[in-house]
Amino acid sequence: QVQPVESGGGLVQAGGSLRLSCTASGSIFSIVAVTWYRQAPGKRRELVAMVFNSGTTNYADSVKGRFTISRDNAKNTVYLQMNSLKPEDTAVYYCNLRGEWGKGTLVTVSS
């Protein structure tokens, strides 16, 4: 089992940027798809972005054009670059690797 550990969250003003990292305990080379999810207070966990090992990416409509997901298989790390952040992006962000969840990293966007 490959365990993910998220980092990079914090407090940022609206319009700012953050880069989240998801570092795996082992190789992610063979993992076809890696995903970022988020869960806002009182809401259900939702898919934010997905990257395949082919390089293909998919995004939730709410983050298209603002967020970029990427993976570095050599570093066993997946990134989520978040630009033009909005207060509604406030949530705990989770990485999922082949069904394994990390503990999440909190992103708070102030208005």
Protein backbone atom coordinates (compact mmCIF):
# COMPACT_ATOMS: atom_id res chain seq x y z
CA GLN A 1 0.00 0.00 0.00
CA VAL A 2 1.20 3.48 -0.87
CA GLN A 3 0.31 6.05 1.76
CA PRO A 4 -0.07 9.71 0.76
CA VAL A 5 0.94 12.66 2.91
CA GLU A 6 -0.42 16.08 1.98
CA SER A 7 1.29 19.40 2.73
CA GLY A 8 1.31 23.00 1.65
CA GLY A 9 -1.98 24.23 3.02
CA GLY A 10 -2.39 27.48 4.90
CA LEU A 11 -4.14 30.81 5.13
CA VAL A 12 -4.17 33.01 2.05
CA GLN A 13 -6.09 36.06 0.91
CA ALA A 14 -8.53 35.88 -1.96
CA GLY A 15 -6.69 36.12 -5.25
CA GLY A 16 -3.59 34.48 -3.82
CA SER A 17 -1.89 31.19 -4.64
CA LEU A 18 -0.83 28.02 -2.89
CA ARG A 19 0.87 24.84 -4.04
CA LEU A 20 -0.15 21.61 -2.37
CA SER A 21 2.04 18.52 -2.41
CA CYS A 22 1.09 14.89 -1.99
CA THR A 23 4.13 12.75 -1.25
CA ALA A 24 3.74 8.99 -1.39
CA SER A 25 5.44 6.43 0.84
CA GLY A 26 6.37 4.45 -2.25
CA SER A 27 6.44 4.56 -6.01
CA ILE A 28 3.50 6.10 -7.82
CA PHE A 29 4.82 5.10 -11.23
CA SER A 30 2.29 2.30 -11.67
CA ILE A 31 -0.69 4.24 -10.33
CA VAL A 32 -2.78 5.11 -13.36
CA ALA A 33 -4.73 8.00 -11.86
CA VAL A 34 -3.99 10.23 -8.91
CA THR A 35 -6.66 12.53 -7.54
CA TRP A 36 -7.11 15.55 -5.30
CA TYR A 37 -10.37 15.94 -3.40
CA ARG A 38 -11.60 18.58 -1.00
CA GLN A 39 -14.17 18.77 1.75
CA ALA A 40 -15.56 22.06 2.96
CA PRO A 41 -17.21 22.35 6.38
CA GLY A 42 -20.66 20.78 6.31
CA LYS A 43 -20.27 19.58 2.74
CA ARG A 44 -19.52 16.31 1.01
CA ARG A 45 -16.06 15.46 -0.25
CA GLU A 46 -15.74 16.41 -3.90
CA LEU A 47 -13.30 15.65 -6.68
CA VAL A 48 -11.09 18.60 -7.57
CA ALA A 49 -8.58 17.28 -10.10
CA MET A 50 -7.18 14.10 -11.54
CA VAL A 51 -3.98 13.30 -13.43
CA PHE A 52 -3.27 10.10 -15.31
CA ASN A 53 0.19 8.68 -15.87
CA SER A 54 -0.30 9.56 -19.54
CA GLY A 55 -0.38 13.23 -18.52
CA THR A 56 -4.09 13.66 -19.17
CA THR A 57 -5.83 15.82 -16.59
CA ASN A 58 -9.43 16.45 -15.55
CA TYR A 59 -10.79 19.22 -13.36
CA ALA A 60 -13.97 20.13 -11.58
CA ASP A 61 -15.74 22.98 -13.35
CA SER A 62 -15.33 25.17 -10.28
CA VAL A 63 -11.52 25.12 -10.52
CA LYS A 64 -10.89 24.95 -14.28
CA GLY A 65 -8.47 27.63 -15.41
CA ARG A 66 -7.30 28.30 -11.85
CA PHE A 67 -5.88 25.00 -10.60
CA THR A 68 -3.23 22.80 -12.20
CA ILE A 69 -2.49 19.22 -11.20
CA SER A 70 0.80 17.56 -12.04
CA ARG A 71 2.80 14.53 -11.01
CA ASP A 72 6.50 13.81 -10.66
CA ASN A 73 6.89 10.05 -10.65
CA ALA A 74 10.61 10.31 -9.90
CA LYS A 75 9.82 12.14 -6.66
CA ASN A 76 6.68 10.12 -5.89
CA THR A 77 4.85 13.41 -5.56
CA VAL A 78 1.69 14.94 -6.95
CA TYR A 79 1.14 18.69 -6.93
CA LEU A 80 -1.86 20.96 -7.01
CA GLN A 81 -1.06 24.53 -8.00
CA MET A 82 -3.94 26.76 -6.96
CA ASN A 83 -4.15 30.30 -8.31
CA SER A 84 -6.78 33.03 -8.05
CA LEU A 85 -8.08 31.47 -4.87
CA LYS A 86 -11.59 32.28 -3.70
CA PRO A 87 -13.18 32.00 -0.25
CA GLU A 88 -15.27 29.12 -1.55
CA ASP A 89 -12.05 27.15 -2.10
CA THR A 90 -11.69 26.91 1.69
CA ALA A 91 -11.60 23.22 2.56
CA VAL A 92 -9.46 20.34 3.68
CA TYR A 93 -7.70 18.99 0.60
CA TYR A 94 -7.03 15.27 0.33
CA CYS A 95 -4.91 13.20 -2.00
CA ASN A 96 -6.01 9.74 -3.07
CA LEU A 97 -3.60 7.11 -4.31
CA ARG A 98 -5.16 3.83 -5.41
CA GLY A 99 -7.85 4.10 -2.77
CA GLU A 100 -5.57 5.27 0.04
CA TRP A 101 -6.36 8.62 1.67
CA GLY A 102 -4.03 11.00 3.40
CA LYS A 103 -4.99 13.05 6.46
CA GLY A 104 -5.47 16.17 4.38
CA THR A 105 -4.16 19.71 4.47
CA LEU A 106 -6.30 22.72 5.36
CA VAL A 107 -6.64 25.61 2.94
CA THR A 108 -8.32 28.75 4.21
CA VAL A 109 -9.01 31.64 1.85
CA SER A 110 -9.98 34.93 3.47
CA SER A 111 -12.05 37.55 1.70
